[in-house]
Protein backbone atom coordinates (compact mmCIF):
# COMPACT_ATOMS: atom_id res chain seq x y z
CA MET A 1 -11.21 15.12 3.30
CA ALA A 2 -9.24 15.61 6.41
CA SER A 3 -6.66 13.13 7.87
CA HIS A 4 -6.66 12.56 11.59
CA THR A 5 -2.88 12.36 11.48
CA GLY A 6 -0.39 14.91 10.01
CA ASN A 7 -0.91 18.64 10.04
CA THR A 8 -2.18 18.95 6.30
CA ARG A 9 -5.39 18.14 4.62
CA LEU A 10 -5.54 15.26 2.16
CA ARG A 11 -8.24 16.11 -0.58
CA LEU A 12 -9.50 13.42 -3.01
CA SER A 13 -8.44 15.46 -5.98
CA ASP A 14 -4.70 15.25 -4.78
CA ALA A 15 -3.57 13.18 -7.77
CA ARG A 16 -3.36 16.50 -9.52
CA ASP A 17 -1.21 17.94 -6.76
CA GLU A 18 2.52 17.34 -6.63
CA GLY A 19 2.28 17.48 -2.87
CA ALA A 20 0.89 14.08 -2.78
CA ALA A 21 1.91 10.61 -3.80
CA LEU A 22 0.15 7.24 -4.46
CA MET A 23 2.22 4.46 -2.81
CA ILE A 24 1.60 0.98 -3.94
CA ILE A 25 3.15 -1.59 -1.67
CA ASP A 26 4.33 -5.26 -2.39
CA VAL A 27 2.03 -5.87 -5.36
CA GLN A 28 4.48 -8.72 -6.63
CA GLN A 29 3.90 -12.13 -8.31
CA ALA A 30 4.65 -13.70 -4.84
CA ILE A 31 0.99 -12.79 -3.76
CA ASP A 32 -0.28 -15.34 -6.14
CA ASP A 33 1.61 -18.18 -4.36
CA THR A 34 -1.51 -19.76 -2.52
CA ARG A 35 0.53 -22.66 -1.35
CA TYR A 36 2.67 -20.30 0.73
CA TRP A 37 0.22 -17.77 1.81
CA GLY A 38 -3.11 -19.64 1.55
CA GLU A 39 -6.45 -17.76 1.04
CA ARG A 40 -6.42 -14.14 -0.22
CA ASN A 41 -9.36 -11.75 0.14
CA ASN A 42 -10.50 -9.02 -2.38
CA ILE A 43 -10.67 -10.65 -6.01
CA GLY A 44 -11.00 -6.88 -7.37
CA LEU A 45 -7.58 -5.94 -5.99
CA GLU A 46 -5.87 -5.71 -9.44
CA ASP A 47 -8.67 -4.04 -11.08
CA ASN A 48 -8.90 -1.25 -8.39
CA LEU A 49 -5.00 -0.94 -8.53
CA GLU A 50 -5.20 -0.46 -12.30
CA GLU A 51 -7.85 2.10 -11.73
CA LEU A 52 -6.03 4.04 -9.15
CA LEU A 53 -2.67 4.19 -11.18
CA ALA A 54 -4.57 5.34 -14.39
CA TYR A 55 -6.10 7.99 -12.23
CA TRP A 56 -2.75 9.18 -10.66
CA ARG A 57 -1.00 8.90 -13.95
CA GLY A 58 -3.35 11.50 -15.45
CA GLY A 59 -2.39 14.10 -12.84
CA ASN A 60 0.72 15.63 -11.41
CA GLY A 61 1.18 13.67 -8.09
CA HIS A 62 3.99 11.25 -7.64
CA ILE A 63 3.84 7.56 -7.80
CA VAL A 64 5.87 5.31 -5.54
CA HIS A 65 6.28 1.65 -6.07
CA VAL A 66 7.24 -0.29 -2.90
CA ARG A 67 8.69 -3.75 -3.47
CA HIS A 68 9.78 -6.42 -0.98
CA PHE A 69 12.95 -8.35 -1.26
CA SER A 70 12.72 -10.91 1.49
CA ARG A 71 15.66 -12.32 3.46
CA THR A 72 13.72 -15.27 4.92
CA PRO A 73 14.61 -18.58 3.43
CA GLY A 74 11.74 -19.91 1.17
CA SER A 75 9.82 -16.78 0.77
CA PRO A 76 8.37 -16.15 -2.71
CA TYR A 77 9.59 -12.57 -2.21
CA ARG A 78 13.15 -13.52 -2.38
CA PRO A 79 14.89 -11.51 -5.06
CA GLY A 80 16.18 -13.39 -8.14
CA GLN A 81 12.88 -15.29 -8.55
CA THR A 82 9.52 -14.72 -10.41
CA GLY A 83 7.69 -14.05 -7.09
CA ALA A 84 9.84 -10.95 -6.60
CA GLU A 85 8.81 -9.08 -9.86
CA PHE A 86 6.08 -6.80 -9.97
CA LYS A 87 2.61 -7.89 -11.03
CA ASP A 88 1.62 -6.60 -14.71
CA CYS A 89 -1.16 -4.49 -13.25
CA VAL A 90 1.13 -2.03 -11.35
CA MET A 91 4.39 -2.33 -13.36
CA PRO A 92 6.31 0.82 -12.87
CA ARG A 93 6.78 3.33 -15.76
CA GLN A 94 9.76 5.35 -16.37
CA GLY A 95 9.80 8.21 -13.97
CA GLU A 96 8.02 6.42 -11.31
CA ARG A 97 9.81 5.93 -8.11
CA VAL A 98 10.86 2.31 -6.99
CA VAL A 99 11.54 1.57 -3.35
CA THR A 100 13.13 -1.75 -2.21
CA LYS A 101 12.47 -2.82 1.18
CA HIS A 102 13.50 -5.73 3.20
CA VAL A 103 11.02 -5.45 6.41
CA SER A 104 7.43 -4.56 6.85
CA SER A 105 7.73 -0.71 6.92
CA ALA A 106 8.57 0.97 3.63
CA PHE A 107 10.47 3.52 5.75
CA VAL A 108 13.04 1.29 7.43
CA GLY A 109 16.21 0.91 5.65
CA THR A 110 15.11 2.92 2.68
CA ASP A 111 15.41 6.68 1.42
CA LEU A 112 11.56 6.87 1.20
CA GLU A 113 11.11 9.52 3.81
CA GLY A 114 13.82 11.75 2.58
CA TRP A 115 12.65 11.31 -0.90
CA LEU A 116 9.15 12.30 -0.03
CA ARG A 117 10.41 15.40 1.82
CA ARG A 118 12.71 16.60 -0.90
CA HIS A 119 9.75 16.33 -3.30
CA GLY A 120 7.39 18.22 -1.04
CA VAL A 121 5.13 15.33 -0.42
CA SER A 122 3.15 15.58 2.67
CA ARG A 123 0.07 13.50 1.61
CA LEU A 124 -0.10 9.74 0.84
CA VAL A 125 -2.61 7.55 -0.82
CA VAL A 126 -1.60 3.83 0.11
CA ALA A 127 -2.75 0.73 -1.54
CA GLY A 128 -1.32 -2.82 -1.69
CA VAL A 129 -0.56 -5.97 0.11
CA ALA A 130 -0.93 -7.20 2.87
CA THR A 131 -3.27 -5.05 4.61
CA ALA A 132 -2.38 -6.73 8.10
CA HIS A 133 1.43 -6.51 7.42
CA ALA A 134 3.23 -4.13 5.08
CA VAL A 135 0.33 -1.98 4.46
CA SER A 136 -0.60 -1.50 8.11
CA THR A 137 2.83 -1.15 9.25
CA THR A 138 3.84 1.46 6.67
CA VAL A 139 0.85 3.42 7.23
CA ARG A 140 1.30 3.58 11.00
CA HIS A 141 4.85 4.69 10.39
CA ALA A 142 3.69 7.24 7.99
CA GLY A 143 1.21 8.60 10.50
CA CYS A 144 3.99 8.79 13.29
CA LEU A 145 6.16 10.95 10.80
CA ASP A 146 3.28 13.35 10.25
CA PHE A 147 2.22 12.38 6.77
CA ALA A 148 -1.45 12.64 6.03
CA VAL A 149 -2.52 9.24 4.91
CA THR A 150 -5.76 7.78 3.20
CA VAL A 151 -5.80 4.11 2.66
CA ALA A 152 -7.59 2.82 -0.59
CA GLY A 153 -9.24 -0.03 1.44
CA ASP A 154 -10.57 -1.92 -1.77
CA ALA A 155 -7.06 -1.71 -3.40
CA CYS A 156 -5.60 -3.59 -0.44
CA ALA A 157 -5.65 -7.19 0.18
CA THR A 158 -4.48 -9.94 2.85
CA PHE A 159 -4.34 -13.41 3.94
CA ALA A 160 -6.06 -15.55 6.61
CA VAL A 161 -4.24 -15.77 9.86
CA SER A 162 -4.27 -18.45 12.61
CA ASP A 163 -3.25 -18.01 15.98
CA ARG A 164 -1.10 -20.31 18.35
CA GLN A 165 -4.28 -21.94 19.77
CA GLY A 166 -5.55 -22.83 16.43
CA HIS A 167 -8.05 -20.30 16.03
CA ARG A 168 -8.42 -18.99 12.42
CA TRP A 169 -9.46 -15.56 10.95
CA ASP A 170 -10.46 -15.56 7.46
CA ALA A 171 -8.93 -12.89 5.11
CA GLU A 172 -11.82 -10.86 4.91
CA GLN A 173 -11.97 -10.68 8.74
CA VAL A 174 -8.31 -9.85 8.83
CA HIS A 175 -8.62 -7.28 6.37
CA ALA A 176 -11.76 -5.53 7.76
CA LEU A 177 -10.32 -5.33 11.30
CA ASN A 178 -6.94 -3.93 10.32
CA LEU A 179 -8.61 -1.29 8.08
CA ALA A 180 -10.77 -0.35 11.13
CA LEU A 181 -7.68 -0.09 13.50
CA LEU A 182 -6.01 2.32 10.95
CA ASP A 183 -9.26 4.32 10.21
CA GLY A 184 -9.39 7.56 12.30
CA ALA A 185 -6.26 6.86 14.22
CA PHE A 186 -3.44 6.66 11.52
CA ALA A 187 -5.24 7.31 8.33
CA GLU A 188 -8.65 7.76 6.57
CA VAL A 189 -9.81 4.63 4.96
CA SER A 190 -11.46 5.33 1.59
CA THR A 191 -12.37 3.46 -1.72
CA THR A 192 -11.21 3.53 -5.17
CA HIS A 193 -14.58 4.71 -6.50
CA ASP A 194 -14.49 7.88 -3.92
CA ILE A 195 -11.02 8.74 -4.82
CA VAL A 196 -11.43 8.55 -8.63
CA GLN A 197 -14.82 10.14 -8.79
CA HIS A 198 -13.27 13.32 -7.57
CA PHE A 199 -10.55 13.32 -10.25
């Protein structure tokens, strides 16, 4: 399948290609803190992430685990507490790259871009949390850096949002809108099934 950004083509069989990487963003125990975040969409997130990882681990493509270490007081993502630890479903294995970030984009303040370039990676499959924040920001940044990006939409999740006027969008609405804004402009949105069936 062709990306709408970047100068290369992203194929659904890229797990067997060393020029592609699966990037999983911020899937840490912090996302289970409903008192802090509220409602999350996509109860199938963990199952789809496990399926994508198993698929990618069977090929030659790279795997990048992005974790967020927050500097915000009270955040469940602050290092040194349970929330900062990876969830079991995405626990990195030996040889898989771990990138630590402190802001929404995985490319800011990290060596991620340089590492991808050194390893010949030009195509990314992105999944994780939150669709409206770190996933969207990182995908947009990757597109601007000329990477070809596919987002595994059903392997992402987000949270409800309220504005200053008190209007509330539920998590599924926020998720769907953010995927729609990415699709065709910064990435191509696909599904775990469509990626895995072309393994």
